[in-house]
């Protein structure tokens, strides 16, 4: 029984070649090398970490480092109208 040919990306590839080895893909099917993918992932992680660290810690006027949650709380209290009594 003859093996079927599988069609991928518009190109027909036989499942096995004449020698019976696994099929090989042409080098340029839009795939990046493993090294390129790893480098991109590492740079993205570094960029993301820098962004998060920049948001997390802000330098206060008196030199203390405070977190983002405290900033939000202070801003919320500053916006709140204290003229009305509960």
N, C-alpha and C. Protein backbone atom coordinates (compact mmCIF):
# COMPACT_ATOMS: atom_id res chain seq x y z
N UNK A 1 0.84 -1.18 0.00
CA UNK A 1 0.00 0.00 0.00
C UNK A 1 0.89 1.25 0.00
N UNK A 2 0.55 2.17 -0.88
CA UNK A 2 1.37 3.36 -1.03
C UNK A 2 1.00 4.41 0.02
N UNK A 3 2.02 5.09 0.55
CA UNK A 3 1.75 6.14 1.54
C UNK A 3 1.21 7.38 0.83
N UNK A 4 0.32 8.08 1.52
CA UNK A 4 -0.25 9.30 0.95
C UNK A 4 0.75 10.44 1.10
N UNK A 5 0.60 11.43 0.22
CA UNK A 5 1.42 12.62 0.35
C UNK A 5 0.64 13.64 1.18
N UNK A 6 1.34 14.32 2.04
CA UNK A 6 0.70 15.31 2.90
C UNK A 6 0.98 16.70 2.33
N UNK A 7 -0.07 17.53 2.26
CA UNK A 7 0.11 18.86 1.71
C UNK A 7 0.23 19.86 2.86
N UNK A 8 1.32 20.61 2.90
CA UNK A 8 1.53 21.63 3.93
C UNK A 8 2.01 22.91 3.29
N UNK A 9 1.37 24.01 3.67
CA UNK A 9 1.72 25.34 3.17
C UNK A 9 1.73 25.37 1.64
N UNK A 10 0.82 24.66 1.05
CA UNK A 10 0.70 24.68 -0.39
C UNK A 10 1.77 23.88 -1.12
N UNK A 11 2.62 23.17 -0.41
CA UNK A 11 3.68 22.37 -1.04
C UNK A 11 3.46 20.92 -0.66
N UNK A 12 3.56 20.03 -1.64
CA UNK A 12 3.37 18.62 -1.33
C UNK A 12 4.68 18.00 -0.86
N UNK A 13 4.60 17.28 0.25
CA UNK A 13 5.77 16.56 0.75
C UNK A 13 5.39 15.09 0.86
N UNK A 14 6.21 14.20 0.33
CA UNK A 14 5.95 12.79 0.61
C UNK A 14 6.25 12.51 2.08
N UNK A 15 5.48 11.61 2.69
CA UNK A 15 5.70 11.33 4.11
C UNK A 15 7.09 10.75 4.35
N UNK A 16 7.56 9.92 3.46
CA UNK A 16 8.93 9.40 3.55
C UNK A 16 9.55 9.47 2.17
N UNK A 17 10.84 9.67 2.12
CA UNK A 17 11.48 9.68 0.81
C UNK A 17 11.82 8.24 0.39
N UNK A 18 12.51 8.09 -0.71
CA UNK A 18 12.76 6.76 -1.26
C UNK A 18 13.57 5.87 -0.32
N UNK A 19 14.43 6.48 0.48
CA UNK A 19 15.27 5.69 1.37
C UNK A 19 14.52 5.27 2.64
N UNK A 20 13.32 5.79 2.82
CA UNK A 20 12.56 5.40 3.99
C UNK A 20 12.83 6.26 5.20
N UNK A 21 13.58 7.36 5.03
CA UNK A 21 13.86 8.24 6.16
C UNK A 21 12.73 9.26 6.29
N UNK A 22 12.68 9.93 7.43
CA UNK A 22 11.63 10.94 7.64
C UNK A 22 11.79 12.07 6.64
N UNK A 23 10.69 12.72 6.31
CA UNK A 23 10.73 13.79 5.33
C UNK A 23 11.47 15.00 5.90
N UNK A 24 12.05 15.79 5.01
CA UNK A 24 12.75 16.99 5.43
C UNK A 24 12.06 18.19 4.81
N UNK A 25 12.00 19.29 5.55
CA UNK A 25 11.35 20.49 5.06
C UNK A 25 12.39 21.41 4.46
N UNK A 26 12.00 22.20 3.48
CA UNK A 26 12.94 23.20 2.97
C UNK A 26 13.24 24.21 4.08
N UNK A 27 14.45 24.79 4.07
CA UNK A 27 14.86 25.64 5.19
C UNK A 27 14.02 26.90 5.38
N UNK A 28 13.39 27.41 4.31
CA UNK A 28 12.70 28.69 4.47
C UNK A 28 11.18 28.52 4.39
N UNK A 29 10.60 28.03 5.45
CA UNK A 29 9.14 27.98 5.52
C UNK A 29 8.64 29.00 6.54
N UNK A 30 9.40 30.07 6.71
CA UNK A 30 8.99 31.12 7.63
C UNK A 30 9.27 30.77 9.08
N UNK A 31 10.16 29.82 9.32
CA UNK A 31 10.46 29.46 10.70
C UNK A 31 11.76 30.11 11.12
N UNK A 32 11.80 30.57 12.36
CA UNK A 32 13.03 31.16 12.88
C UNK A 32 13.86 30.06 13.52
N UNK A 33 15.15 30.35 13.64
CA UNK A 33 16.00 29.37 14.29
C UNK A 33 15.73 29.40 15.79
N UNK A 34 16.11 28.34 16.46
CA UNK A 34 15.86 28.24 17.89
C UNK A 34 16.58 29.35 18.64
N UNK A 35 17.78 29.67 18.20
CA UNK A 35 18.57 30.71 18.85
C UNK A 35 17.87 32.07 18.76
N UNK A 36 17.34 32.39 17.56
CA UNK A 36 16.63 33.66 17.38
C UNK A 36 15.41 33.75 18.29
N UNK A 37 14.67 32.66 18.41
CA UNK A 37 13.49 32.65 19.27
C UNK A 37 13.87 32.86 20.73
N UNK A 38 14.94 32.19 21.17
CA UNK A 38 15.40 32.32 22.56
C UNK A 38 15.84 33.75 22.85
N UNK A 39 16.60 34.35 21.92
CA UNK A 39 17.07 35.73 22.12
C UNK A 39 15.89 36.68 22.23
N UNK A 40 14.90 36.51 21.38
CA UNK A 40 13.73 37.40 21.41
C UNK A 40 13.00 37.26 22.74
N UNK A 41 12.85 36.01 23.20
CA UNK A 41 12.13 35.77 24.44
C UNK A 41 12.87 36.42 25.62
N UNK A 42 14.20 36.28 25.63
CA UNK A 42 14.99 36.86 26.73
C UNK A 42 14.90 38.38 26.74
N UNK A 43 15.01 39.00 25.56
CA UNK A 43 14.93 40.46 25.53
C UNK A 43 13.55 40.94 25.94
N UNK A 44 12.51 40.21 25.54
CA UNK A 44 11.15 40.59 25.95
C UNK A 44 11.00 40.50 27.46
N UNK A 45 11.55 39.43 28.05
CA UNK A 45 11.46 39.27 29.51
C UNK A 45 12.17 40.41 30.22
N UNK A 46 13.38 40.77 29.72
CA UNK A 46 14.14 41.86 30.34
C UNK A 46 13.37 43.17 30.25
N UNK A 47 12.81 43.44 29.06
CA UNK A 47 12.07 44.69 28.86
C UNK A 47 10.85 44.76 29.78
N UNK A 48 10.16 43.64 29.89
CA UNK A 48 8.97 43.58 30.74
C UNK A 48 9.35 43.80 32.20
N UNK A 49 10.43 43.16 32.65
CA UNK A 49 10.86 43.29 34.04
C UNK A 49 11.25 44.73 34.35
N UNK A 50 11.94 45.39 33.41
CA UNK A 50 12.33 46.79 33.62
C UNK A 50 11.10 47.67 33.76
N UNK A 51 10.10 47.43 32.90
CA UNK A 51 8.86 48.22 32.97
C UNK A 51 8.18 48.05 34.31
N UNK A 52 8.08 46.79 34.77
CA UNK A 52 7.39 46.51 36.03
C UNK A 52 8.15 47.12 37.20
N UNK A 53 9.47 47.00 37.20
CA UNK A 53 10.27 47.57 38.29
C UNK A 53 10.12 49.09 38.33
N UNK A 54 10.08 49.71 37.17
CA UNK A 54 9.92 51.16 37.11
C UNK A 54 8.60 51.60 37.69
N UNK A 55 7.56 50.81 37.45
CA UNK A 55 6.25 51.15 38.01
C UNK A 55 6.19 50.86 39.49
N UNK A 56 6.85 49.78 39.91
CA UNK A 56 6.71 49.30 41.29
C UNK A 56 7.32 50.27 42.29
N UNK A 57 8.49 50.79 41.96
CA UNK A 57 9.19 51.63 42.93
C UNK A 57 9.33 53.05 42.42
N UNK A 58 8.82 53.98 43.20
CA UNK A 58 8.99 55.39 42.87
C UNK A 58 9.75 56.04 44.02
N UNK A 59 10.61 56.99 43.66
CA UNK A 59 11.38 57.68 44.69
C UNK A 59 10.51 58.77 45.31
N UNK A 60 10.36 58.74 46.60
CA UNK A 60 9.56 59.73 47.29
C UNK A 60 10.40 60.99 47.53
N UNK A 61 9.76 62.07 47.94
CA UNK A 61 10.47 63.33 48.15
C UNK A 61 11.51 63.20 49.27
N UNK A 62 11.14 62.50 50.34
CA UNK A 62 12.07 62.37 51.46
C UNK A 62 13.02 61.18 51.32
N UNK A 63 13.10 60.60 50.12
CA UNK A 63 14.08 59.55 49.88
C UNK A 63 13.59 58.14 50.14
N UNK A 64 12.36 57.99 50.61
CA UNK A 64 11.84 56.66 50.86
C UNK A 64 11.31 56.07 49.55
N UNK A 65 11.39 54.77 49.47
CA UNK A 65 10.85 54.08 48.29
C UNK A 65 9.50 53.52 48.69
N UNK A 66 8.50 53.82 47.89
CA UNK A 66 7.17 53.32 48.23
C UNK A 66 6.60 52.57 47.03
N UNK A 67 5.66 51.71 47.30
CA UNK A 67 5.09 50.89 46.25
C UNK A 67 3.95 51.56 45.53
N UNK A 68 3.51 50.93 44.46
CA UNK A 68 2.46 51.47 43.61
C UNK A 68 1.12 51.51 44.35
N UNK A 69 0.87 50.52 45.18
CA UNK A 69 -0.39 50.44 45.89
C UNK A 69 -0.56 51.64 46.84
N UNK A 70 0.54 52.00 47.51
CA UNK A 70 0.50 53.15 48.41
C UNK A 70 0.23 54.44 47.63
N UNK A 71 0.84 54.55 46.45
CA UNK A 71 0.61 55.72 45.60
C UNK A 71 -0.86 55.85 45.27
N UNK A 72 -1.46 54.76 44.84
CA UNK A 72 -2.87 54.77 44.47
C UNK A 72 -3.73 55.19 45.65
N UNK A 73 -3.41 54.64 46.83
CA UNK A 73 -4.18 54.95 48.03
C UNK A 73 -4.10 56.44 48.37
N UNK A 74 -2.90 57.00 48.28
CA UNK A 74 -2.72 58.42 48.60
C UNK A 74 -3.45 59.30 47.59
N UNK A 75 -3.38 58.93 46.30
CA UNK A 75 -4.08 59.69 45.27
C UNK A 75 -5.59 59.64 45.50
N UNK A 76 -6.09 58.48 45.88
CA UNK A 76 -7.53 58.31 46.10
C UNK A 76 -7.97 59.19 47.28
N UNK A 77 -7.17 59.19 48.34
CA UNK A 77 -7.50 60.01 49.50
C UNK A 77 -7.42 61.50 49.17
N UNK A 78 -6.46 61.88 48.33
CA UNK A 78 -6.30 63.28 47.96
C UNK A 78 -7.50 63.76 47.13
N UNK A 79 -8.04 62.89 46.28
CA UNK A 79 -9.18 63.26 45.44
C UNK A 79 -10.48 63.32 46.24
N UNK A 80 -10.52 62.56 47.31
CA UNK A 80 -11.76 62.44 48.08
C UNK A 80 -12.17 63.81 48.66
N UNK A 81 -13.44 64.08 48.64
CA UNK A 81 -13.94 65.36 49.16
C UNK A 81 -14.24 65.21 50.64
N UNK A 82 -13.47 65.93 51.46
CA UNK A 82 -13.62 65.81 52.93
C UNK A 82 -14.59 66.84 53.50
N UNK A 83 -15.19 67.65 52.63
CA UNK A 83 -16.07 68.71 53.14
C UNK A 83 -17.36 68.14 53.74
N UNK A 84 -17.82 67.01 53.17
CA UNK A 84 -19.05 66.41 53.69
C UNK A 84 -18.73 65.51 54.89
N UNK A 85 -19.59 65.54 55.89
CA UNK A 85 -19.44 64.62 57.01
C UNK A 85 -20.28 63.38 56.76
N UNK A 86 -19.75 62.20 57.05
CA UNK A 86 -20.53 60.97 56.83
C UNK A 86 -21.69 60.84 57.82
